Amino acid sequence: MSKTSVYARNEKRKRLVAKYAERRAALKEAGDWEGLQKLPRNSSPVRVRSRCQMTGRGRGVYKKFGLCRNVFRQLALEGKIPGIRKASW
């Protein structure tokens, strides 16, 4: 489990991205790069990290499920993810 401060920081970035999305799009369309640089750094969507919903892990996260590979495997083996089963051929 990652620290709650790391998870909270990422949530704050998500809120800033949503808040400045329209303004950022308008500045990009107008080509006003100076105005774009004056926006908060964390309002850029590139800075948002995809994290596991259960553990907060930042690496190996499947976007479709919102889970890291470790938790995904555990839940899949327990049969708790519908439509997912271990491959065999």
N, C-alpha and C. Protein backbone atom coordinates (compact mmCIF):
# COMPACT_ATOMS: atom_id res chain seq x y z
N MET A 1 0.85 -1.18 0.00
CA MET A 1 0.00 0.00 0.00
C MET A 1 0.89 1.24 0.00
N SER A 2 0.62 2.14 -0.93
CA SER A 2 1.42 3.36 -0.98
C SER A 2 0.95 4.34 0.10
N LYS A 3 1.79 5.31 0.35
CA LYS A 3 1.45 6.30 1.37
C LYS A 3 0.21 7.08 0.95
N THR A 4 -0.59 7.44 1.90
CA THR A 4 -1.82 8.17 1.58
C THR A 4 -1.53 9.55 1.03
N SER A 5 -0.37 10.12 1.36
CA SER A 5 -0.03 11.44 0.83
C SER A 5 0.22 11.37 -0.67
N VAL A 6 0.79 10.27 -1.15
CA VAL A 6 1.04 10.10 -2.58
C VAL A 6 -0.29 9.98 -3.31
N TYR A 7 -1.20 9.20 -2.75
CA TYR A 7 -2.53 9.03 -3.35
C TYR A 7 -3.30 10.36 -3.35
N ALA A 8 -3.21 11.11 -2.25
CA ALA A 8 -3.90 12.40 -2.14
C ALA A 8 -3.34 13.40 -3.15
N ARG A 9 -2.04 13.39 -3.34
CA ARG A 9 -1.40 14.30 -4.30
C ARG A 9 -1.90 14.03 -5.71
N ASN A 10 -2.05 12.75 -6.04
CA ASN A 10 -2.54 12.38 -7.36
C ASN A 10 -4.00 12.80 -7.54
N GLU A 11 -4.80 12.67 -6.49
CA GLU A 11 -6.21 13.09 -6.56
C GLU A 11 -6.31 14.61 -6.74
N LYS A 12 -5.42 15.34 -6.10
CA LYS A 12 -5.39 16.79 -6.26
C LYS A 12 -5.05 17.16 -7.70
N ARG A 13 -4.13 16.43 -8.30
CA ARG A 13 -3.78 16.67 -9.70
C ARG A 13 -4.97 16.42 -10.61
N LYS A 14 -5.74 15.36 -10.32
CA LYS A 14 -6.93 15.06 -11.12
C LYS A 14 -7.93 16.21 -11.06
N ARG A 15 -8.12 16.78 -9.86
CA ARG A 15 -9.04 17.91 -9.72
C ARG A 15 -8.55 19.12 -10.50
N LEU A 16 -7.25 19.40 -10.45
CA LEU A 16 -6.70 20.54 -11.18
C LEU A 16 -6.82 20.35 -12.69
N VAL A 17 -6.62 19.14 -13.17
CA VAL A 17 -6.76 18.87 -14.60
C VAL A 17 -8.19 19.15 -15.05
N ALA A 18 -9.17 18.70 -14.26
CA ALA A 18 -10.57 18.94 -14.60
C ALA A 18 -10.91 20.43 -14.56
N LYS A 19 -10.34 21.13 -13.59
CA LYS A 19 -10.63 22.55 -13.42
C LYS A 19 -10.11 23.40 -14.58
N TYR A 20 -8.90 23.09 -15.04
CA TYR A 20 -8.26 23.92 -16.07
C TYR A 20 -8.36 23.33 -17.47
N ALA A 21 -9.15 22.29 -17.70
CA ALA A 21 -9.21 21.63 -19.00
C ALA A 21 -9.68 22.57 -20.10
N GLU A 22 -10.76 23.32 -19.86
CA GLU A 22 -11.29 24.21 -20.90
C GLU A 22 -10.32 25.35 -21.20
N ARG A 23 -9.77 25.94 -20.15
CA ARG A 23 -8.84 27.05 -20.33
C ARG A 23 -7.58 26.60 -21.08
N ARG A 24 -7.11 25.42 -20.72
CA ARG A 24 -5.92 24.86 -21.37
C ARG A 24 -6.18 24.59 -22.85
N ALA A 25 -7.35 24.05 -23.18
CA ALA A 25 -7.71 23.76 -24.57
C ALA A 25 -7.82 25.05 -25.38
N ALA A 26 -8.40 26.09 -24.78
CA ALA A 26 -8.54 27.37 -25.48
C ALA A 26 -7.18 28.00 -25.75
N LEU A 27 -6.28 27.94 -24.78
CA LEU A 27 -4.94 28.50 -24.97
C LEU A 27 -4.15 27.73 -26.02
N LYS A 28 -4.31 26.43 -26.05
CA LYS A 28 -3.62 25.62 -27.06
C LYS A 28 -4.13 25.95 -28.45
N GLU A 29 -5.45 26.12 -28.57
CA GLU A 29 -6.06 26.42 -29.87
C GLU A 29 -5.61 27.78 -30.38
N ALA A 30 -5.48 28.74 -29.45
CA ALA A 30 -5.05 30.09 -29.83
C ALA A 30 -3.54 30.16 -30.05
N GLY A 31 -2.80 29.17 -29.57
CA GLY A 31 -1.35 29.19 -29.73
C GLY A 31 -0.66 30.09 -28.73
N ASP A 32 -1.32 30.38 -27.62
CA ASP A 32 -0.75 31.26 -26.59
C ASP A 32 0.08 30.42 -25.62
N TRP A 33 1.35 30.18 -25.98
CA TRP A 33 2.20 29.30 -25.19
C TRP A 33 2.64 29.97 -23.89
N GLU A 34 2.76 31.29 -23.89
CA GLU A 34 3.12 32.00 -22.66
C GLU A 34 2.01 31.88 -21.62
N GLY A 35 0.78 32.04 -22.08
CA GLY A 35 -0.37 31.89 -21.18
C GLY A 35 -0.49 30.47 -20.65
N LEU A 36 -0.13 29.52 -21.49
CA LEU A 36 -0.19 28.13 -21.10
C LEU A 36 0.84 27.83 -20.01
N GLN A 37 1.99 28.48 -20.09
CA GLN A 37 3.03 28.26 -19.08
C GLN A 37 2.68 28.88 -17.74
N LYS A 38 1.77 29.85 -17.73
CA LYS A 38 1.39 30.49 -16.48
C LYS A 38 0.36 29.68 -15.69
N LEU A 39 -0.22 28.67 -16.32
CA LEU A 39 -1.15 27.79 -15.60
C LEU A 39 -0.36 26.94 -14.61
N PRO A 40 -1.02 26.41 -13.58
CA PRO A 40 -0.31 25.55 -12.62
C PRO A 40 0.29 24.33 -13.31
N ARG A 41 1.45 23.94 -12.86
CA ARG A 41 2.16 22.82 -13.45
C ARG A 41 1.36 21.52 -13.32
N ASN A 42 0.69 21.35 -12.20
CA ASN A 42 -0.07 20.12 -11.98
C ASN A 42 -1.40 20.09 -12.71
N SER A 43 -1.73 21.11 -13.47
CA SER A 43 -2.97 21.09 -14.24
C SER A 43 -2.78 20.40 -15.59
N SER A 44 -1.59 19.95 -15.87
CA SER A 44 -1.33 19.22 -17.11
C SER A 44 -1.75 17.76 -16.94
N PRO A 45 -2.50 17.21 -17.89
CA PRO A 45 -2.96 15.83 -17.74
C PRO A 45 -1.82 14.80 -17.76
N VAL A 46 -0.66 15.19 -18.25
CA VAL A 46 0.47 14.27 -18.31
C VAL A 46 0.97 13.92 -16.91
N ARG A 47 0.76 14.79 -15.95
CA ARG A 47 1.29 14.58 -14.61
C ARG A 47 0.43 13.67 -13.74
N VAL A 48 -0.75 13.30 -14.23
CA VAL A 48 -1.62 12.40 -13.46
C VAL A 48 -1.13 10.98 -13.66
N ARG A 49 -1.02 10.24 -12.59
CA ARG A 49 -0.51 8.88 -12.61
C ARG A 49 -1.67 7.90 -12.43
N SER A 50 -1.69 6.85 -13.24
CA SER A 50 -2.72 5.83 -13.04
C SER A 50 -2.27 4.94 -11.89
N ARG A 51 -3.12 4.79 -10.89
CA ARG A 51 -2.78 4.03 -9.69
C ARG A 51 -3.84 2.95 -9.44
N CYS A 52 -3.42 1.91 -8.77
CA CYS A 52 -4.31 0.80 -8.41
C CYS A 52 -5.36 1.32 -7.43
N GLN A 53 -6.60 0.92 -7.65
CA GLN A 53 -7.70 1.37 -6.78
C GLN A 53 -7.63 0.74 -5.39
N MET A 54 -7.04 -0.42 -5.28
CA MET A 54 -7.01 -1.11 -3.99
C MET A 54 -5.75 -0.83 -3.18
N THR A 55 -4.60 -0.79 -3.85
CA THR A 55 -3.35 -0.65 -3.12
C THR A 55 -2.67 0.68 -3.32
N GLY A 56 -2.99 1.40 -4.39
CA GLY A 56 -2.33 2.67 -4.66
C GLY A 56 -1.03 2.52 -5.42
N ARG A 57 -0.70 1.29 -5.83
CA ARG A 57 0.54 1.03 -6.57
C ARG A 57 0.52 1.77 -7.90
N GLY A 58 1.64 2.37 -8.27
CA GLY A 58 1.71 3.20 -9.48
C GLY A 58 2.26 2.50 -10.70
N ARG A 59 2.77 1.29 -10.54
CA ARG A 59 3.35 0.57 -11.67
C ARG A 59 2.56 -0.69 -11.96
N GLY A 60 2.53 -1.06 -13.22
CA GLY A 60 1.85 -2.30 -13.61
C GLY A 60 0.35 -2.23 -13.42
N VAL A 61 -0.26 -1.10 -13.76
CA VAL A 61 -1.71 -0.91 -13.57
C VAL A 61 -2.42 -1.11 -14.89
N TYR A 62 -3.42 -1.98 -14.90
CA TYR A 62 -4.26 -2.18 -16.08
C TYR A 62 -5.38 -1.14 -16.05
N LYS A 63 -5.40 -0.27 -17.05
CA LYS A 63 -6.38 0.82 -17.06
C LYS A 63 -7.82 0.31 -17.12
N LYS A 64 -8.03 -0.75 -17.88
CA LYS A 64 -9.39 -1.27 -18.05
C LYS A 64 -10.02 -1.68 -16.73
N PHE A 65 -9.21 -2.20 -15.82
CA PHE A 65 -9.73 -2.69 -14.54
C PHE A 65 -9.39 -1.76 -13.38
N GLY A 66 -8.39 -0.89 -13.54
CA GLY A 66 -7.99 0.01 -12.47
C GLY A 66 -7.26 -0.70 -11.34
N LEU A 67 -6.66 -1.85 -11.66
CA LEU A 67 -5.96 -2.66 -10.67
C LEU A 67 -4.54 -2.92 -11.12
N CYS A 68 -3.64 -3.06 -10.14
CA CYS A 68 -2.27 -3.44 -10.49
C CYS A 68 -2.24 -4.93 -10.80
N ARG A 69 -1.17 -5.37 -11.41
CA ARG A 69 -1.06 -6.75 -11.87
C ARG A 69 -1.15 -7.76 -10.72
N ASN A 70 -0.62 -7.40 -9.56
CA ASN A 70 -0.64 -8.32 -8.42
C ASN A 70 -2.05 -8.56 -7.91
N VAL A 71 -2.78 -7.47 -7.70
CA VAL A 71 -4.15 -7.58 -7.20
C VAL A 71 -5.05 -8.20 -8.26
N PHE A 72 -4.81 -7.84 -9.53
CA PHE A 72 -5.61 -8.41 -10.61
C PHE A 72 -5.47 -9.93 -10.64
N ARG A 73 -4.24 -10.42 -10.52
CA ARG A 73 -4.00 -11.87 -10.54
C ARG A 73 -4.68 -12.55 -9.35
N GLN A 74 -4.55 -11.94 -8.20
CA GLN A 74 -5.15 -12.51 -6.99
C GLN A 74 -6.67 -12.62 -7.13
N LEU A 75 -7.30 -11.52 -7.58
CA LEU A 75 -8.77 -11.52 -7.72
C LEU A 75 -9.22 -12.45 -8.84
N ALA A 76 -8.43 -12.54 -9.91
CA ALA A 76 -8.80 -13.42 -11.02
C ALA A 76 -8.74 -14.88 -10.59
N LEU A 77 -7.73 -15.24 -9.82
CA LEU A 77 -7.63 -16.63 -9.36
C LEU A 77 -8.73 -16.98 -8.37
N GLU A 78 -9.21 -16.00 -7.63
CA GLU A 78 -10.32 -16.22 -6.70
C GLU A 78 -11.67 -16.21 -7.41
N GLY A 79 -11.67 -15.82 -8.69
CA GLY A 79 -12.91 -15.79 -9.46
C GLY A 79 -13.78 -14.58 -9.17
N LYS A 80 -13.19 -13.50 -8.70
CA LYS A 80 -13.96 -12.31 -8.33
C LYS A 80 -14.07 -11.28 -9.46
N ILE A 81 -13.40 -11.52 -10.59
CA ILE A 81 -13.51 -10.63 -11.75
C ILE A 81 -14.30 -11.38 -12.81
N PRO A 82 -15.50 -10.89 -13.15
CA PRO A 82 -16.34 -11.62 -14.12
C PRO A 82 -15.68 -11.67 -15.50
N GLY A 83 -15.75 -12.84 -16.11
CA GLY A 83 -15.24 -13.02 -17.48
C GLY A 83 -13.76 -13.25 -17.58
N ILE A 84 -13.04 -13.30 -16.47
CA ILE A 84 -11.60 -13.51 -16.49
C ILE A 84 -11.29 -14.88 -15.90
N ARG A 85 -10.50 -15.66 -16.63
CA ARG A 85 -10.02 -16.93 -16.10
C ARG A 85 -8.62 -17.18 -16.61
N LYS A 86 -7.92 -18.06 -15.95
CA LYS A 86 -6.54 -18.37 -16.30
C LYS A 86 -6.49 -19.05 -17.66
N ALA A 87 -5.55 -18.61 -18.48
CA ALA A 87 -5.43 -19.17 -19.82
C ALA A 87 -4.79 -20.56 -19.75
N SER A 88 -5.25 -21.43 -20.65
CA SER A 88 -4.62 -22.74 -20.81
C SER A 88 -4.80 -23.16 -22.25
N TRP A 89 -3.72 -23.62 -22.86
CA TRP A 89 -3.80 -24.07 -24.25
C TRP A 89 -2.87 -25.22 -24.50
